């Protein structure tokens, strides 16, 4: 059996649905990436406790009363407390169910 294709163009209506789906997926992915980047750069790399609670989307009290005792690591230098974005992300991923 031999298959011979003389001419194939992507302008063919058969490819229109594929083009539409690819464009839709690219737009969805692009939107997701933009949202993640906005969140990442909206906050400093090392946040105070209030910023960290906003970054994580929880109240200050929830973060301090539940997340810190559950293992969210604080950085304390000369009495100044900071929490890194990486630590917040690690903690949330570790507690994902």
N, C-alpha and C. Protein backbone atom coordinates (compact mmCIF):
# COMPACT_ATOMS: atom_id res chain seq x y z
N UNK A 1 0.85 -1.17 0.00
CA UNK A 1 0.00 0.00 0.00
C UNK A 1 0.90 1.24 0.00
N UNK A 2 0.54 2.18 -0.83
CA UNK A 2 1.34 3.40 -0.95
C UNK A 2 0.43 4.60 -0.76
N UNK A 3 0.90 5.53 0.02
CA UNK A 3 0.15 6.76 0.25
C UNK A 3 0.93 7.89 -0.39
N UNK A 4 0.25 8.61 -1.25
CA UNK A 4 0.92 9.69 -1.94
C UNK A 4 0.13 10.97 -1.72
N UNK A 5 0.81 11.99 -1.19
CA UNK A 5 0.18 13.28 -0.98
C UNK A 5 0.92 14.30 -1.85
N UNK A 6 0.18 14.86 -2.79
CA UNK A 6 0.79 15.83 -3.68
C UNK A 6 0.86 17.22 -3.04
N UNK A 7 -0.21 17.59 -2.32
CA UNK A 7 -0.24 18.93 -1.77
C UNK A 7 -1.07 18.92 -0.49
N UNK A 8 -0.53 19.55 0.52
CA UNK A 8 -1.24 19.66 1.79
C UNK A 8 -1.04 21.08 2.30
N UNK A 9 -2.14 21.77 2.52
CA UNK A 9 -2.04 23.13 3.05
C UNK A 9 -2.84 23.21 4.34
N UNK A 10 -2.41 24.09 5.21
CA UNK A 10 -3.11 24.27 6.48
C UNK A 10 -4.31 25.20 6.34
N UNK A 11 -4.54 25.71 5.13
CA UNK A 11 -5.70 26.55 4.88
C UNK A 11 -6.96 25.72 4.71
N UNK A 12 -6.79 24.44 4.59
CA UNK A 12 -7.91 23.53 4.40
C UNK A 12 -8.88 23.64 5.59
N UNK A 13 -10.19 23.63 5.34
CA UNK A 13 -11.17 23.72 6.43
C UNK A 13 -11.02 22.63 7.49
N UNK A 14 -10.45 21.50 7.11
CA UNK A 14 -10.26 20.41 8.06
C UNK A 14 -9.31 20.82 9.19
N UNK A 15 -8.40 21.74 8.89
CA UNK A 15 -7.43 22.17 9.89
C UNK A 15 -7.93 23.37 10.70
N UNK A 16 -9.05 23.95 10.34
CA UNK A 16 -9.56 25.14 11.01
C UNK A 16 -9.87 24.86 12.49
N UNK A 17 -10.51 23.72 12.77
CA UNK A 17 -10.83 23.37 14.16
C UNK A 17 -9.56 23.17 14.98
N UNK A 18 -8.57 22.55 14.38
CA UNK A 18 -7.29 22.35 15.08
C UNK A 18 -6.67 23.71 15.39
N UNK A 19 -6.67 24.61 14.42
CA UNK A 19 -6.13 25.95 14.63
C UNK A 19 -6.85 26.66 15.77
N UNK A 20 -8.17 26.55 15.78
CA UNK A 20 -8.97 27.21 16.82
C UNK A 20 -8.64 26.65 18.20
N UNK A 21 -8.49 25.34 18.30
CA UNK A 21 -8.16 24.71 19.58
C UNK A 21 -6.77 25.10 20.05
N UNK A 22 -5.83 25.14 19.13
CA UNK A 22 -4.46 25.53 19.50
C UNK A 22 -4.46 26.97 20.00
N UNK A 23 -5.14 27.86 19.31
CA UNK A 23 -5.20 29.26 19.72
C UNK A 23 -5.85 29.38 21.10
N UNK A 24 -6.92 28.63 21.33
CA UNK A 24 -7.62 28.67 22.63
C UNK A 24 -6.69 28.20 23.75
N UNK A 25 -5.97 27.11 23.53
CA UNK A 25 -5.04 26.58 24.54
C UNK A 25 -3.91 27.57 24.81
N UNK A 26 -3.37 28.17 23.78
CA UNK A 26 -2.28 29.15 23.95
C UNK A 26 -2.78 30.33 24.77
N UNK A 27 -3.97 30.80 24.49
CA UNK A 27 -4.52 31.94 25.23
C UNK A 27 -4.76 31.57 26.69
N UNK A 28 -5.25 30.36 26.96
CA UNK A 28 -5.47 29.91 28.34
C UNK A 28 -4.14 29.84 29.10
N UNK A 29 -3.15 29.23 28.47
CA UNK A 29 -1.85 29.08 29.10
C UNK A 29 -1.20 30.43 29.33
N UNK A 30 -1.33 31.30 28.37
CA UNK A 30 -0.77 32.65 28.48
C UNK A 30 -1.41 33.39 29.65
N UNK A 31 -2.72 33.27 29.80
CA UNK A 31 -3.42 33.92 30.91
C UNK A 31 -2.96 33.39 32.26
N UNK A 32 -2.78 32.08 32.34
CA UNK A 32 -2.31 31.46 33.58
C UNK A 32 -0.90 31.94 33.92
N UNK A 33 -0.03 31.96 32.94
CA UNK A 33 1.35 32.41 33.17
C UNK A 33 1.39 33.87 33.62
N UNK A 34 0.59 34.70 33.00
CA UNK A 34 0.56 36.12 33.37
C UNK A 34 0.08 36.27 34.82
N UNK A 35 -0.94 35.52 35.21
CA UNK A 35 -1.45 35.57 36.58
C UNK A 35 -0.38 35.15 37.58
N UNK A 36 0.34 34.08 37.27
CA UNK A 36 1.40 33.61 38.16
C UNK A 36 2.54 34.62 38.28
N UNK A 37 2.91 35.21 37.16
CA UNK A 37 3.99 36.20 37.18
C UNK A 37 3.57 37.46 37.95
N UNK A 38 2.32 37.87 37.76
CA UNK A 38 1.84 39.04 38.49
C UNK A 38 1.90 38.79 39.99
N UNK A 39 1.47 37.62 40.41
CA UNK A 39 1.50 37.28 41.84
C UNK A 39 2.94 37.24 42.34
N UNK A 40 3.81 36.62 41.56
CA UNK A 40 5.20 36.45 41.97
C UNK A 40 5.89 37.80 42.17
N UNK A 41 5.64 38.75 41.29
CA UNK A 41 6.35 40.03 41.36
C UNK A 41 5.57 41.11 42.09
N UNK A 42 4.35 40.80 42.54
CA UNK A 42 3.58 41.75 43.31
C UNK A 42 4.13 41.83 44.74
N UNK A 43 4.75 40.77 45.18
CA UNK A 43 5.28 40.69 46.53
C UNK A 43 6.80 40.58 46.49
N UNK A 44 7.49 41.11 47.53
CA UNK A 44 8.95 40.95 47.56
C UNK A 44 9.33 39.48 47.81
N UNK A 45 10.54 39.12 47.47
CA UNK A 45 11.00 37.74 47.66
C UNK A 45 10.94 37.34 49.13
N UNK A 46 11.32 38.25 50.02
CA UNK A 46 11.26 38.01 51.46
C UNK A 46 10.22 38.96 52.04
N UNK A 47 9.10 38.40 52.50
CA UNK A 47 7.95 39.19 52.90
C UNK A 47 7.84 39.26 54.42
N UNK A 48 7.21 40.35 54.89
CA UNK A 48 6.85 40.37 56.30
C UNK A 48 5.62 39.48 56.48
N UNK A 49 5.18 39.31 57.71
CA UNK A 49 4.10 38.36 57.99
C UNK A 49 2.78 38.77 57.31
N UNK A 50 2.50 40.05 57.29
CA UNK A 50 1.26 40.52 56.66
C UNK A 50 1.28 40.26 55.16
N UNK A 51 2.39 40.58 54.52
CA UNK A 51 2.53 40.33 53.09
C UNK A 51 2.42 38.83 52.79
N UNK A 52 3.06 38.01 53.61
CA UNK A 52 3.05 36.56 53.40
C UNK A 52 1.62 36.01 53.51
N UNK A 53 0.86 36.51 54.46
CA UNK A 53 -0.52 36.01 54.60
C UNK A 53 -1.35 36.39 53.37
N UNK A 54 -1.13 37.58 52.83
CA UNK A 54 -1.83 37.99 51.61
C UNK A 54 -1.37 37.15 50.42
N UNK A 55 -0.07 36.89 50.34
CA UNK A 55 0.49 36.07 49.26
C UNK A 55 -0.15 34.68 49.28
N UNK A 56 -0.35 34.14 50.47
CA UNK A 56 -0.90 32.80 50.60
C UNK A 56 -2.43 32.78 50.54
N UNK A 57 -3.04 33.95 50.60
CA UNK A 57 -4.49 34.03 50.48
C UNK A 57 -5.23 33.62 51.74
N UNK A 58 -4.61 33.83 52.90
CA UNK A 58 -5.24 33.51 54.17
C UNK A 58 -5.11 34.71 55.10
N UNK A 59 -5.87 34.68 56.18
CA UNK A 59 -5.77 35.78 57.15
C UNK A 59 -4.45 35.67 57.90
N UNK A 60 -4.05 36.78 58.47
CA UNK A 60 -2.83 36.83 59.28
C UNK A 60 -2.92 35.82 60.42
N UNK A 61 -4.08 35.79 61.10
CA UNK A 61 -4.26 34.88 62.24
C UNK A 61 -4.19 33.42 61.81
N UNK A 62 -4.78 33.08 60.68
CA UNK A 62 -4.72 31.70 60.18
C UNK A 62 -3.28 31.30 59.93
N UNK A 63 -2.53 32.19 59.29
CA UNK A 63 -1.14 31.87 58.99
C UNK A 63 -0.33 31.66 60.29
N UNK A 64 -0.48 32.58 61.22
CA UNK A 64 0.30 32.50 62.45
C UNK A 64 -0.17 31.39 63.39
N UNK A 65 -1.48 31.18 63.49
CA UNK A 65 -2.02 30.19 64.43
C UNK A 65 -2.05 28.77 63.90
N UNK A 66 -2.11 28.62 62.56
CA UNK A 66 -2.23 27.27 61.99
C UNK A 66 -1.02 26.89 61.12
N UNK A 67 -0.63 27.78 60.22
CA UNK A 67 0.43 27.42 59.26
C UNK A 67 1.81 27.36 59.90
N UNK A 68 2.14 28.34 60.74
CA UNK A 68 3.46 28.33 61.38
C UNK A 68 3.61 27.10 62.28
N UNK A 69 2.63 26.79 63.15
CA UNK A 69 2.76 25.56 63.94
C UNK A 69 2.80 24.28 63.08
N UNK A 70 2.20 24.35 61.88
CA UNK A 70 2.18 23.18 60.99
C UNK A 70 3.46 23.05 60.17
N UNK A 71 4.39 24.00 60.31
CA UNK A 71 5.68 23.84 59.64
C UNK A 71 6.11 24.95 58.70
N UNK A 72 5.34 26.02 58.57
CA UNK A 72 5.77 27.15 57.74
C UNK A 72 6.98 27.79 58.42
N UNK A 73 8.11 27.81 57.74
CA UNK A 73 9.36 28.27 58.32
C UNK A 73 9.49 29.79 58.25
N UNK A 74 9.85 30.39 59.38
CA UNK A 74 10.10 31.83 59.45
C UNK A 74 11.60 32.07 59.41
N UNK A 75 11.99 33.21 58.85
CA UNK A 75 13.38 33.64 58.87
C UNK A 75 13.45 34.76 59.91
N UNK A 76 14.27 34.57 60.92
CA UNK A 76 14.38 35.58 61.97
C UNK A 76 15.83 36.02 62.06
N UNK A 77 16.07 37.30 61.76
CA UNK A 77 17.41 37.86 61.83
C UNK A 77 17.34 39.09 62.73
N UNK A 78 18.00 38.99 63.88
CA UNK A 78 18.06 40.11 64.81
C UNK A 78 16.66 40.63 65.16
N UNK A 79 15.72 39.70 65.34
CA UNK A 79 14.36 40.06 65.72
C UNK A 79 13.43 40.42 64.56
N UNK A 80 13.96 40.53 63.37
CA UNK A 80 13.15 40.86 62.19
C UNK A 80 12.69 39.55 61.55
N UNK A 81 11.38 39.42 61.37
CA UNK A 81 10.81 38.17 60.83
C UNK A 81 10.44 38.35 59.37
N UNK A 82 10.88 37.41 58.56
CA UNK A 82 10.55 37.39 57.14
C UNK A 82 10.18 35.96 56.74
N UNK A 83 9.38 35.87 55.68
CA UNK A 83 8.99 34.58 55.13
C UNK A 83 9.20 34.66 53.62
N UNK A 84 9.91 33.70 53.07
CA UNK A 84 10.19 33.75 51.63
C UNK A 84 9.03 33.21 50.81
N UNK A 85 8.92 33.71 49.59
CA UNK A 85 7.92 33.18 48.66
C UNK A 85 8.14 31.69 48.45
N UNK A 86 9.40 31.30 48.31
CA UNK A 86 9.71 29.89 48.08
C UNK A 86 9.20 29.02 49.23
N UNK A 87 9.34 29.51 50.47
CA UNK A 87 8.87 28.76 51.63
C UNK A 87 7.35 28.67 51.63
N UNK A 88 6.68 29.76 51.30
CA UNK A 88 5.21 29.72 51.22
C UNK A 88 4.76 28.71 50.18
N UNK A 89 5.39 28.73 49.00
CA UNK A 89 5.05 27.79 47.94
C UNK A 89 5.33 26.35 48.36
N UNK A 90 6.49 26.14 49.01
CA UNK A 90 6.86 24.80 49.48
C UNK A 90 5.83 24.28 50.49
N UNK A 91 5.48 25.14 51.45
CA UNK A 91 4.53 24.75 52.48
C UNK A 91 3.17 24.38 51.88
N UNK A 92 2.68 25.20 50.97
CA UNK A 92 1.38 24.93 50.37
C UNK A 92 1.41 23.63 49.56
N UNK A 93 2.50 23.41 48.83
CA UNK A 93 2.61 22.19 48.03
C UNK A 93 2.71 20.97 48.92
N UNK A 94 3.45 21.08 50.03
CA UNK A 94 3.62 19.96 50.94
C UNK A 94 2.30 19.60 51.62
N UNK A 95 1.41 20.57 51.76
CA UNK A 95 0.14 20.31 52.45
C UNK A 95 -1.03 20.14 51.47
N UNK A 96 -0.71 20.05 50.21
CA UNK A 96 -1.74 19.84 49.19
C UNK A 96 -2.29 18.43 49.31
N UNK A 97 -3.59 18.31 49.18
CA UNK A 97 -4.22 16.97 49.28
C UNK A 97 -4.89 16.60 48.01
